[in-house]
């Protein structure tokens, strides 16, 4: 498969065929990490990067959702279960 490197507004754009986008489950706006390996340009799906604040906010939401189970979670042990 061959594609074309185009120049748009001072930036270079690599056109990715629709079938490749579909096979890799990508979408417009998907982040890709680019690297050079020898004479190859390698594109990998970028892993999301989270800040500590984002992770703590997500954790707080989960804790809020557990509110209805709080009594059960905080209950003392009644048998030999390990926590």
Protein backbone atom coordinates (compact mmCIF):
# COMPACT_ATOMS: atom_id res chain seq x y z
CA UNK A 1 0.00 0.00 0.00
CA UNK A 2 1.38 3.40 -0.95
CA UNK A 3 0.25 6.82 0.23
CA UNK A 4 1.24 10.41 -0.51
CA UNK A 5 2.85 13.02 1.71
CA UNK A 6 1.10 16.37 1.18
CA UNK A 7 1.91 19.88 2.38
CA UNK A 8 -0.93 21.91 3.88
CA UNK A 9 -0.50 25.27 5.58
CA UNK A 10 3.22 24.71 6.16
CA UNK A 11 2.70 21.28 7.73
CA UNK A 12 3.05 17.88 6.14
CA UNK A 13 0.09 15.55 6.09
CA UNK A 14 0.21 11.81 5.54
CA UNK A 15 -2.98 10.45 4.01
CA UNK A 16 -3.97 7.16 5.66
CA UNK A 17 -6.26 4.94 3.58
CA UNK A 18 -9.75 4.40 4.99
CA UNK A 19 -9.26 0.60 5.19
CA UNK A 20 -6.19 1.04 7.40
CA UNK A 21 -8.05 3.45 9.69
CA UNK A 22 -10.91 0.96 9.93
CA UNK A 23 -8.65 -2.06 10.55
CA UNK A 24 -6.82 -0.22 13.36
CA UNK A 25 -10.07 1.11 14.88
CA UNK A 26 -8.88 4.71 14.55
CA UNK A 27 -11.03 7.79 14.15
CA UNK A 28 -10.55 11.41 13.09
CA UNK A 29 -8.62 13.14 15.84
CA UNK A 30 -7.01 9.92 17.14
CA UNK A 31 -3.57 10.57 18.61
CA UNK A 32 -0.64 8.68 17.11
CA UNK A 33 2.96 8.46 18.31
CA UNK A 34 5.43 8.69 15.43
CA UNK A 35 8.96 7.33 15.52
CA UNK A 36 11.73 6.67 13.04
CA UNK A 37 13.24 3.19 12.98
CA UNK A 38 16.02 3.09 10.41
CA UNK A 39 14.38 4.28 7.22
CA UNK A 40 10.87 3.50 8.47
CA UNK A 41 8.27 5.88 9.83
CA UNK A 42 6.32 3.99 12.47
CA UNK A 43 2.94 5.22 13.72
CA UNK A 44 1.50 3.73 16.91
CA UNK A 45 -1.73 4.54 18.68
CA UNK A 46 -0.80 6.94 21.46
CA UNK A 47 -1.50 5.83 25.01
CA UNK A 48 -3.54 8.32 26.96
CA UNK A 49 -1.55 10.41 29.44
CA UNK A 50 -3.32 11.33 32.63
CA UNK A 51 -2.47 13.94 35.21
CA UNK A 52 -2.64 13.13 38.91
CA UNK A 53 -5.62 15.49 39.20
CA UNK A 54 -7.51 13.55 36.49
CA UNK A 55 -6.83 10.22 38.18
CA UNK A 56 -7.92 11.55 41.58
CA UNK A 57 -11.10 13.01 40.07
CA UNK A 58 -11.92 9.64 38.50
CA UNK A 59 -11.22 7.93 41.84
CA UNK A 60 -13.54 10.40 43.61
CA UNK A 61 -16.31 9.60 41.13
CA UNK A 62 -15.94 5.88 41.79
CA UNK A 63 -16.05 6.47 45.55
CA UNK A 64 -19.21 8.55 45.11
CA UNK A 65 -20.80 5.74 43.11
CA UNK A 66 -19.99 3.33 45.94
CA UNK A 67 -21.96 5.49 48.36
CA UNK A 68 -24.96 3.19 48.28
CA UNK A 69 -22.69 0.27 49.24
CA UNK A 70 -20.75 2.22 51.87
CA UNK A 71 -22.48 0.48 54.80
CA UNK A 72 -21.57 -2.93 53.39
CA UNK A 73 -18.00 -1.87 52.59
CA UNK A 74 -17.41 -0.40 56.05
CA UNK A 75 -19.08 -3.26 57.95
CA UNK A 76 -16.88 -5.26 60.33
CA UNK A 77 -15.82 -8.76 59.35
CA UNK A 78 -18.23 -11.48 60.37
CA UNK A 79 -16.27 -14.54 59.36
CA UNK A 80 -12.75 -15.36 58.23
CA UNK A 81 -12.66 -13.16 55.10
CA UNK A 82 -9.47 -11.31 54.30
CA UNK A 83 -9.30 -7.74 53.16
